[in-house]
Every structure is written in C-alpha cells, then in structure tokens.
C-alpha cells in the first residue's frame, strides 16, 4: 500500500509472518479468521490501520 513500509525490525517481522503462516494467511493479532482478516486485512486496506505493526506509515521528513 502506498505510504506504508514493512516494519524495519526483521526479528519482529519474522515473528509476525510466522503467526500469519500458523493462521493460514490471517492476521495473527485477530481472534476471528474470515475473509476480512486475511493479511493484509480489510482494516489496513480500508483505513490504513495495521494492528500487528507489520506495516508502518512512512513518515515524511522535510
């Protein structure tokens, strides 16, 4: 998604990706697993909110 980057903490990203794999593609920080929680989840796509912090907003530096 434009304006966002992958979290630069490689160890953290590895942990989150392992959780996504365990949940068969669903966000690891969600209790339910349905079409809205497939990573990237609907909340991130529609509102830019990534609760597990896998994707972070790119801060514009001036």
PDB file of N, CA and C in Angstrom:
ATOM      1  N   UNK A   1       0.851  -1.169   0.000  1.00  0.00           N
ATOM      2  CA  UNK A   1       0.000   0.000   0.000  1.00  0.00           C
ATOM      3  C   UNK A   1       0.896   1.231   0.000  1.00  0.00           C
ATOM      4  N   UNK A   2       0.564   2.190  -0.803  1.00  0.00           N
ATOM      5  CA  UNK A   2       1.351   3.405  -0.918  1.00  0.00           C
ATOM      6  C   UNK A   2       1.328   4.174   0.402  1.00  0.00           C
ATOM      7  N   UNK A   3       2.502   4.670   0.801  1.00  0.00           N
ATOM      8  CA  UNK A   3       2.604   5.429   2.040  1.00  0.00           C
ATOM      9  C   UNK A   3       2.935   4.584   3.266  1.00  0.00           C
ATOM     10  N   UNK A   4       3.148   3.290   3.054  1.00  0.00           N
ATOM     11  CA  UNK A   4       3.466   2.389   4.155  1.00  0.00           C
ATOM     12  C   UNK A   4       4.706   1.577   3.801  1.00  0.00           C
ATOM     13  N   UNK A   5       5.382   1.111   4.848  1.00  0.00           N
ATOM     14  CA  UNK A   5       6.561   0.275   4.646  1.00  0.00           C
ATOM     15  C   UNK A   5       6.474  -0.913   5.590  1.00  0.00           C
ATOM     16  N   UNK A   6       7.227  -1.935   5.265  1.00  0.00           N
ATOM     17  CA  UNK A   6       7.335  -3.088   6.139  1.00  0.00           C
ATOM     18  C   UNK A   6       8.117  -2.666   7.379  1.00  0.00           C
ATOM     19  N   UNK A   7       7.712  -3.124   8.522  1.00  0.00           N
ATOM     20  CA  UNK A   7       8.406  -2.813   9.763  1.00  0.00           C
ATOM     21  C   UNK A   7       9.901  -3.139   9.597  1.00  0.00           C
ATOM     22  N   UNK A   8      10.803  -2.218   9.933  1.00  0.00           N
ATOM     23  CA  UNK A   8      12.233  -2.456   9.737  1.00  0.00           C
ATOM     24  C   UNK A   8      12.855  -3.464  10.710  1.00  0.00           C
ATOM     25  N   UNK A   9      12.135  -3.835  11.762  1.00  0.00           N
ATOM     26  CA  UNK A   9      12.641  -4.797  12.742  1.00  0.00           C
ATOM     27  C   UNK A   9      12.478  -6.215  12.185  1.00  0.00           C
ATOM     28  N   UNK A  10      13.550  -6.765  11.642  1.00  0.00           N
ATOM     29  CA  UNK A  10      13.489  -8.059  10.954  1.00  0.00           C
ATOM     30  C   UNK A  10      13.051  -9.195  11.873  1.00  0.00           C
ATOM     31  N   UNK A  11      13.480  -9.178  13.116  1.00  0.00           N
ATOM     32  CA  UNK A  11      13.087 -10.224  14.063  1.00  0.00           C
ATOM     33  C   UNK A  11      11.584 -10.155  14.333  1.00  0.00           C
ATOM     34  N   UNK A  12      11.064  -8.944  14.497  1.00  0.00           N
ATOM     35  CA  UNK A  12       9.632  -8.759  14.725  1.00  0.00           C
ATOM     36  C   UNK A  12       8.832  -9.214  13.507  1.00  0.00           C
ATOM     37  N   UNK A  13       9.275  -8.823  12.313  1.00  0.00           N
ATOM     38  CA  UNK A  13       8.593  -9.211  11.074  1.00  0.00           C
ATOM     39  C   UNK A  13       8.567 -10.728  10.949  1.00  0.00           C
ATOM     40  N   UNK A  14       9.684 -11.370  11.258  1.00  0.00           N
ATOM     41  CA  UNK A  14       9.748 -12.842  11.189  1.00  0.00           C
ATOM     42  C   UNK A  14       8.706 -13.472  12.114  1.00  0.00           C
ATOM     43  N   UNK A  15       8.571 -12.932  13.315  1.00  0.00           N
ATOM     44  CA  UNK A  15       7.592 -13.449  14.278  1.00  0.00           C
ATOM     45  C   UNK A  15       6.169 -13.276  13.749  1.00  0.00           C
ATOM     46  N   UNK A  16       5.861 -12.106  13.206  1.00  0.00           N
ATOM     47  CA  UNK A  16       4.519 -11.847  12.683  1.00  0.00           C
ATOM     48  C   UNK A  16       4.232 -12.746  11.476  1.00  0.00           C
ATOM     49  N   UNK A  17       5.192 -12.881  10.580  1.00  0.00           N
ATOM     50  CA  UNK A  17       4.997 -13.724   9.391  1.00  0.00           C
ATOM     51  C   UNK A  17       4.794 -15.187   9.809  1.00  0.00           C
ATOM     52  N   UNK A  18       5.505 -15.643  10.818  1.00  0.00           N
ATOM     53  CA  UNK A  18       5.289 -16.997  11.323  1.00  0.00           C
ATOM     54  C   UNK A  18       3.861 -17.153  11.853  1.00  0.00           C
ATOM     55  N   UNK A  19       3.363 -16.115  12.531  1.00  0.00           N
ATOM     56  CA  UNK A  19       1.983 -16.135  13.022  1.00  0.00           C
ATOM     57  C   UNK A  19       0.978 -16.155  11.887  1.00  0.00           C
ATOM     58  N   UNK A  20       1.254 -15.400  10.829  1.00  0.00           N
ATOM     59  CA  UNK A  20       0.382 -15.401   9.652  1.00  0.00           C
ATOM     60  C   UNK A  20       0.359 -16.795   9.033  1.00  0.00           C
ATOM     61  N   UNK A  21       1.512 -17.421   8.951  1.00  0.00           N
ATOM     62  CA  UNK A  21       1.578 -18.783   8.403  1.00  0.00           C
ATOM     63  C   UNK A  21       0.810 -19.776   9.267  1.00  0.00           C
ATOM     64  N   UNK A  22       0.935 -19.654  10.589  1.00  0.00           N
ATOM     65  CA  UNK A  22       0.207 -20.557  11.505  1.00  0.00           C
ATOM     66  C   UNK A  22      -1.299 -20.398  11.353  1.00  0.00           C
ATOM     67  N   UNK A  23      -1.727 -19.162  11.060  1.00  0.00           N
ATOM     68  CA  UNK A  23      -3.168 -18.893  10.917  1.00  0.00           C
ATOM     69  C   UNK A  23      -3.620 -18.959   9.462  1.00  0.00           C
ATOM     70  N   UNK A  24      -2.816 -19.613   8.626  1.00  0.00           N
ATOM     71  CA  UNK A  24      -3.155 -19.841   7.217  1.00  0.00           C
ATOM     72  C   UNK A  24      -3.469 -18.548   6.466  1.00  0.00           C
ATOM     73  N   UNK A  25      -2.641 -17.522   6.687  1.00  0.00           N
ATOM     74  CA  UNK A  25      -2.765 -16.272   5.953  1.00  0.00           C
ATOM     75  C   UNK A  25      -3.545 -15.180   6.654  1.00  0.00           C
ATOM     76  N   UNK A  26      -4.084 -15.491   7.809  1.00  0.00           N
ATOM     77  CA  UNK A  26      -4.869 -14.497   8.544  1.00  0.00           C
ATOM     78  C   UNK A  26      -3.998 -13.730   9.530  1.00  0.00           C
ATOM     79  N   UNK A  27      -4.400 -12.510   9.814  1.00  0.00           N
ATOM     80  CA  UNK A  27      -3.684 -11.653  10.750  1.00  0.00           C
ATOM     81  C   UNK A  27      -3.557 -12.353  12.107  1.00  0.00           C
ATOM     82  N   UNK A  28      -2.342 -12.435  12.647  1.00  0.00           N
ATOM     83  CA  UNK A  28      -2.149 -13.152  13.912  1.00  0.00           C
ATOM     84  C   UNK A  28      -2.696 -12.416  15.131  1.00  0.00           C
ATOM     85  N   UNK A  29      -2.999 -11.136  15.004  1.00  0.00           N
ATOM     86  CA  UNK A  29      -3.498 -10.399  16.171  1.00  0.00           C
ATOM     87  C   UNK A  29      -5.026 -10.334  16.199  1.00  0.00           C
ATOM     88  N   UNK A  30      -5.676 -11.068  15.336  1.00  0.00           N
ATOM     89  CA  UNK A  30      -7.151 -11.114  15.293  1.00  0.00           C
ATOM     90  C   UNK A  30      -7.638 -12.433  15.879  1.00  0.00           C
ATOM     91  N   UNK A  31      -8.740 -12.363  16.611  1.00  0.00           N
ATOM     92  CA  UNK A  31      -9.312 -13.574  17.199  1.00  0.00           C
ATOM     93  C   UNK A  31     -10.051 -14.398  16.153  1.00  0.00           C
ATOM     94  N   UNK A  32     -10.774 -13.717  15.267  1.00  0.00           N
ATOM     95  CA  UNK A  32     -11.531 -14.434  14.248  1.00  0.00           C
ATOM     96  C   UNK A  32     -10.694 -14.611  12.992  1.00  0.00           C
ATOM     97  N   UNK A  33     -11.067 -15.574  12.186  1.00  0.00           N
ATOM     98  CA  UNK A  33     -10.402 -15.823  10.909  1.00  0.00           C
ATOM     99  C   UNK A  33     -11.482 -15.920   9.836  1.00  0.00           C
ATOM    100  N   UNK A  34     -11.617 -14.841   9.059  1.00  0.00           N
ATOM    101  CA  UNK A  34     -12.565 -14.834   7.952  1.00  0.00           C
ATOM    102  C   UNK A  34     -11.965 -14.014   6.813  1.00  0.00           C
ATOM    103  N   UNK A  35     -12.747 -13.748   5.800  1.00  0.00           N
ATOM    104  CA  UNK A  35     -12.228 -13.031   4.635  1.00  0.00           C
ATOM    105  C   UNK A  35     -11.687 -11.645   4.980  1.00  0.00           C
ATOM    106  N   UNK A  36     -12.173 -11.036   6.054  1.00  0.00           N
ATOM    107  CA  UNK A  36     -11.734  -9.682   6.414  1.00  0.00           C
ATOM    108  C   UNK A  36     -10.393  -9.665   7.140  1.00  0.00           C
ATOM    109  N   UNK A  37      -9.933 -10.833   7.590  1.00  0.00           N
ATOM    110  CA  UNK A  37      -8.693 -10.875   8.370  1.00  0.00           C
ATOM    111  C   UNK A  37      -7.510 -11.449   7.600  1.00  0.00           C
ATOM    112  N   UNK A  38      -7.700 -11.755   6.315  1.00  0.00           N
ATOM    113  CA  UNK A  38      -6.568 -12.200   5.505  1.00  0.00           C
ATOM    114  C   UNK A  38      -5.569 -11.059   5.370  1.00  0.00           C
ATOM    115  N   UNK A  39      -4.310 -11.349   5.574  1.00  0.00           N
ATOM    116  CA  UNK A  39      -3.272 -10.324   5.528  1.00  0.00           C
ATOM    117  C   UNK A  39      -2.942  -9.958   4.082  1.00  0.00           C
ATOM    118  N   UNK A  40      -2.923  -8.679   3.744  1.00  0.00           N
ATOM    119  CA  UNK A  40      -3.253  -7.542   4.585  1.00  0.00           C
ATOM    120  C   UNK A  40      -4.764  -7.475   4.823  1.00  0.00           C
ATOM    121  N   UNK A  41      -5.138  -7.245   6.061  1.00  0.00           N
ATOM    122  CA  UNK A  41      -6.548  -7.282   6.461  1.00  0.00           C
ATOM    123  C   UNK A  41      -7.329  -6.088   5.897  1.00  0.00           C
ATOM    124  N   UNK A  42      -8.652  -6.212   5.935  1.00  0.00           N
ATOM    125  CA  UNK A  42      -9.516  -5.155   5.416  1.00  0.00           C
ATOM    126  C   UNK A  42      -9.310  -3.829   6.157  1.00  0.00           C
ATOM    127  N   UNK A  43      -9.067  -3.887   7.471  1.00  0.00           N
ATOM    128  CA  UNK A  43      -8.874  -2.652   8.231  1.00  0.00           C
ATOM    129  C   UNK A  43      -7.643  -1.894   7.732  1.00  0.00           C
ATOM    130  N   UNK A  44      -6.593  -2.619   7.387  1.00  0.00           N
ATOM    131  CA  UNK A  44      -5.407  -1.966   6.850  1.00  0.00           C
ATOM    132  C   UNK A  44      -5.680  -1.429   5.443  1.00  0.00           C
ATOM    133  N   UNK A  45      -6.317  -2.217   4.615  1.00  0.00           N
ATOM    134  CA  UNK A  45      -6.601  -1.786   3.251  1.00  0.00           C
ATOM    135  C   UNK A  45      -7.526  -0.567   3.230  1.00  0.00           C
ATOM    136  N   UNK A  46      -8.554  -0.580   4.053  1.00  0.00           N
ATOM    137  CA  UNK A  46      -9.561   0.485   4.028  1.00  0.00           C
ATOM    138  C   UNK A  46      -9.227   1.699   4.889  1.00  0.00           C
ATOM    139  N   UNK A  47      -8.530   1.479   6.015  1.00  0.00           N
ATOM    140  CA  UNK A  47      -8.289   2.574   6.961  1.00  0.00           C
ATOM    141  C   UNK A  47      -6.819   2.842   7.232  1.00  0.00           C
ATOM    142  N   UNK A  48      -5.925   1.989   6.713  1.00  0.00           N
ATOM    143  CA  UNK A  48      -4.501   2.170   6.950  1.00  0.00           C
ATOM    144  C   UNK A  48      -4.062   1.801   8.351  1.00  0.00           C
ATOM    145  N   UNK A  49      -4.858   0.965   9.033  1.00  0.00           N
ATOM    146  CA  UNK A  49      -4.537   0.566  10.407  1.00  0.00           C
ATOM    147  C   UNK A  49      -4.040  -0.877  10.405  1.00  0.00           C
ATOM    148  N   UNK A  50      -2.770  -1.060  10.790  1.00  0.00           N
ATOM    149  CA  UNK A  50      -2.194  -2.400  10.920  1.00  0.00           C
ATOM    150  C   UNK A  50      -1.957  -2.642  12.407  1.00  0.00           C
ATOM    151  N   UNK A  51      -2.879  -3.371  13.025  1.00  0.00           N
ATOM    152  CA  UNK A  51      -2.819  -3.585  14.477  1.00  0.00           C
ATOM    153  C   UNK A  51      -1.586  -4.356  14.916  1.00  0.00           C
ATOM    154  N   UNK A  52      -1.069  -5.230  14.067  1.00  0.00           N
ATOM    155  CA  UNK A  52       0.100  -6.013  14.471  1.00  0.00           C
ATOM    156  C   UNK A  52       1.414  -5.290  14.145  1.00  0.00           C
ATOM    157  N   UNK A  53       1.326  -4.111  13.531  1.00  0.00           N
ATOM    158  CA  UNK A  53       2.503  -3.267  13.215  1.00  0.00           C
ATOM    159  C   UNK A  53       3.453  -3.918  12.215  1.00  0.00           C
ATOM    160  N   UNK A  54       2.934  -4.818  11.376  1.00  0.00           N
ATOM    161  CA  UNK A  54       3.746  -5.368  10.297  1.00  0.00           C
ATOM    162  C   UNK A  54       4.028  -4.270   9.270  1.00  0.00           C
ATOM    163  N   UNK A  55       3.013  -3.461   9.005  1.00  0.00           N
ATOM    164  CA  UNK A  55       3.149  -2.335   8.090  1.00  0.00           C
ATOM    165  C   UNK A  55       3.075  -1.039   8.891  1.00  0.00           C
ATOM    166  N   UNK A  56       4.011  -0.136   8.636  1.00  0.00           N
ATOM    167  CA  UNK A  56       4.082   1.142   9.339  1.00  0.00           C
ATOM    168  C   UNK A  56       3.975   2.282   8.339  1.00  0.00           C
ATOM    169  N   UNK A  57       3.351   3.395   8.756  1.00  0.00           N
ATOM    170  CA  UNK A  57       3.294   4.543   7.841  1.00  0.00           C
ATOM    171  C   UNK A  57       4.693   5.117   7.616  1.00  0.00           C
ATOM    172  N   UNK A  58       4.928   5.559   6.403  1.00  0.00           N
ATOM    173  CA  UNK A  58       6.198   6.224   6.084  1.00  0.00           C
ATOM    174  C   UNK A  58       6.059   7.674   6.520  1.00  0.00           C
ATOM    175  N   UNK A  59       6.951   8.090   7.378  1.00  0.00           N
ATOM    176  CA  UNK A  59       6.914   9.472   7.858  1.00  0.00           C
ATOM    177  C   UNK A  59       7.649  10.365   6.864  1.00  0.00           C
ATOM    178  N   UNK A  60       6.977  11.412   6.457  1.00  0.00           N
ATOM    179  CA  UNK A  60       7.597  12.362   5.528  1.00  0.00           C
ATOM    180  C   UNK A  60       8.522  13.289   6.302  1.00  0.00           C
ATOM    181  N   UNK A  61       9.772  13.289   5.927  1.00  0.00           N
ATOM    182  CA  UNK A  61      10.758  14.156   6.591  1.00  0.00           C
ATOM    183  C   UNK A  61      11.045  15.332   5.678  1.00  0.00           C
ATOM    184  N   UNK A  62      10.920  16.525   6.224  1.00  0.00           N
ATOM    185  CA  UNK A  62      11.156  17.735   5.433  1.00  0.00           C
ATOM    186  C   UNK A  62      12.357  18.469   5.938  1.00  0.00           C
TER     187      UNK A  62
END
